[in-house]
């Protein structure tokens, strides 16, 4: 069973994601301990995203980011994270016209 940590689970998108994940037989929402997660999904505030990037980096956990309004320094951290071994795809919308995609397959 894949353990999913949803950062921003109390927001609109996070609540919907939690509900969807909990409906799947092979997925489990684990918002108690990020270090034991198999993947992290971030739909939060940019300040929180910075902390999640650091935690995923140190634990080598794949991270999916849907948070908007990220500053250039956070985007640089995301790019750095995407080059690490053991960390997969990152998809981050940064405005309504552009999407940035980084991966490490």
Protein backbone atom coordinates (compact mmCIF):
# COMPACT_ATOMS: atom_id res chain seq x y z
CA UNK A 1 0.00 0.00 0.00
CA UNK A 2 1.38 3.41 -1.03
CA UNK A 3 1.53 5.92 1.84
CA UNK A 4 0.66 9.45 0.70
CA UNK A 5 1.41 12.56 2.76
CA UNK A 6 -0.80 15.49 1.69
CA UNK A 7 0.57 18.86 2.72
CA UNK A 8 -2.36 21.27 2.81
CA UNK A 9 -4.90 18.54 3.52
CA UNK A 10 -7.22 21.00 5.29
CA UNK A 11 -7.66 23.16 2.18
CA UNK A 12 -10.14 22.65 -0.66
CA UNK A 13 -7.82 20.70 -2.96
CA UNK A 14 -6.16 18.84 -0.07
CA UNK A 15 -9.53 17.74 1.30
CA UNK A 16 -10.57 16.47 -2.13
CA UNK A 17 -7.25 14.66 -2.60
CA UNK A 18 -7.54 13.01 0.81
CA UNK A 19 -11.02 11.78 -0.01
CA UNK A 20 -9.90 10.39 -3.38
CA UNK A 21 -6.80 8.70 -1.95
CA UNK A 22 -8.82 7.11 0.85
CA UNK A 23 -11.22 5.62 -1.71
CA UNK A 24 -8.40 3.68 -3.37
CA UNK A 25 -7.48 0.22 -2.10
CA UNK A 26 -3.77 0.61 -2.81
CA UNK A 27 -3.33 4.13 -1.35
CA UNK A 28 -3.34 5.39 2.23
CA UNK A 29 -3.23 8.97 3.55
CA UNK A 30 -0.53 9.21 6.18
CA UNK A 31 -0.36 12.82 7.43
CA UNK A 32 1.22 11.97 10.77
CA UNK A 33 4.81 11.20 9.74
CA UNK A 34 6.25 12.60 6.51
CA UNK A 35 9.44 10.53 6.84
CA UNK A 36 7.45 7.29 6.42
CA UNK A 37 5.57 8.52 3.32
CA UNK A 38 6.17 6.98 -0.10
CA UNK A 39 5.15 10.22 -1.85
CA UNK A 40 4.26 13.77 -0.80
CA UNK A 41 1.66 15.93 -2.52
CA UNK A 42 1.85 19.64 -1.72
CA UNK A 43 -1.15 21.94 -2.18
CA UNK A 44 -0.36 24.47 0.52
CA UNK A 45 1.07 27.95 1.08
CA UNK A 46 4.48 28.84 -0.41
CA UNK A 47 6.00 29.18 3.09
CA UNK A 48 4.99 25.60 3.86
CA UNK A 49 6.31 24.36 0.51
CA UNK A 50 9.84 25.42 1.48
CA UNK A 51 9.73 23.20 4.58
CA UNK A 52 8.29 20.26 2.62
CA UNK A 53 11.04 20.56 0.00
CA UNK A 54 13.68 20.31 2.74
CA UNK A 55 11.98 17.31 4.37
CA UNK A 56 11.55 15.47 1.06
CA UNK A 57 15.13 16.25 0.13
CA UNK A 58 16.59 14.87 3.36
CA UNK A 59 14.35 11.76 3.25
CA UNK A 60 14.54 11.28 -0.55
CA UNK A 61 10.77 11.24 -0.92
CA UNK A 62 9.16 11.95 -4.31
CA UNK A 63 7.28 15.25 -4.27
CA UNK A 64 4.40 16.58 -6.36
CA UNK A 65 3.83 20.32 -5.98
CA UNK A 66 0.59 22.05 -6.93
CA UNK A 67 1.10 25.13 -4.77
CA UNK A 68 0.96 28.39 -6.69
CA UNK A 69 2.62 31.74 -6.04
CA UNK A 70 6.10 30.33 -5.46
CA UNK A 71 9.01 32.78 -5.59
CA UNK A 72 12.13 32.29 -7.71
CA UNK A 73 14.22 31.06 -4.76
CA UNK A 74 11.70 28.29 -4.07
CA UNK A 75 11.64 27.36 -7.77
CA UNK A 76 15.44 27.04 -7.60
CA UNK A 77 15.09 24.67 -4.62
CA UNK A 78 12.57 22.62 -6.60
CA UNK A 79 14.98 22.38 -9.53
CA UNK A 80 17.75 21.25 -7.19
CA UNK A 81 15.48 18.65 -5.59
CA UNK A 82 14.46 17.28 -8.99
CA UNK A 83 18.08 16.35 -9.77
CA UNK A 84 18.49 14.21 -6.64
CA UNK A 85 18.65 10.45 -6.98
CA UNK A 86 15.50 8.78 -5.65
CA UNK A 87 13.27 11.81 -6.10
CA UNK A 88 10.92 11.67 -9.10
CA UNK A 89 8.63 14.07 -10.88
CA UNK A 90 7.68 17.55 -9.87
CA UNK A 91 4.93 19.42 -11.65
CA UNK A 92 4.41 23.01 -10.54
CA UNK A 93 2.11 25.57 -12.12
CA UNK A 94 3.54 29.04 -11.59
CA UNK A 95 0.99 31.08 -13.44
CA UNK A 96 -2.07 30.52 -15.61
CA UNK A 97 -0.01 30.47 -18.81
CA UNK A 98 3.02 28.38 -17.89
CA UNK A 99 3.82 25.09 -16.24
CA UNK A 100 7.22 23.94 -15.14
CA UNK A 101 7.97 20.22 -15.19
CA UNK A 102 11.08 18.65 -13.76
CA UNK A 103 11.86 15.00 -13.42
CA UNK A 104 14.53 12.52 -12.50
CA UNK A 105 13.69 9.11 -13.91
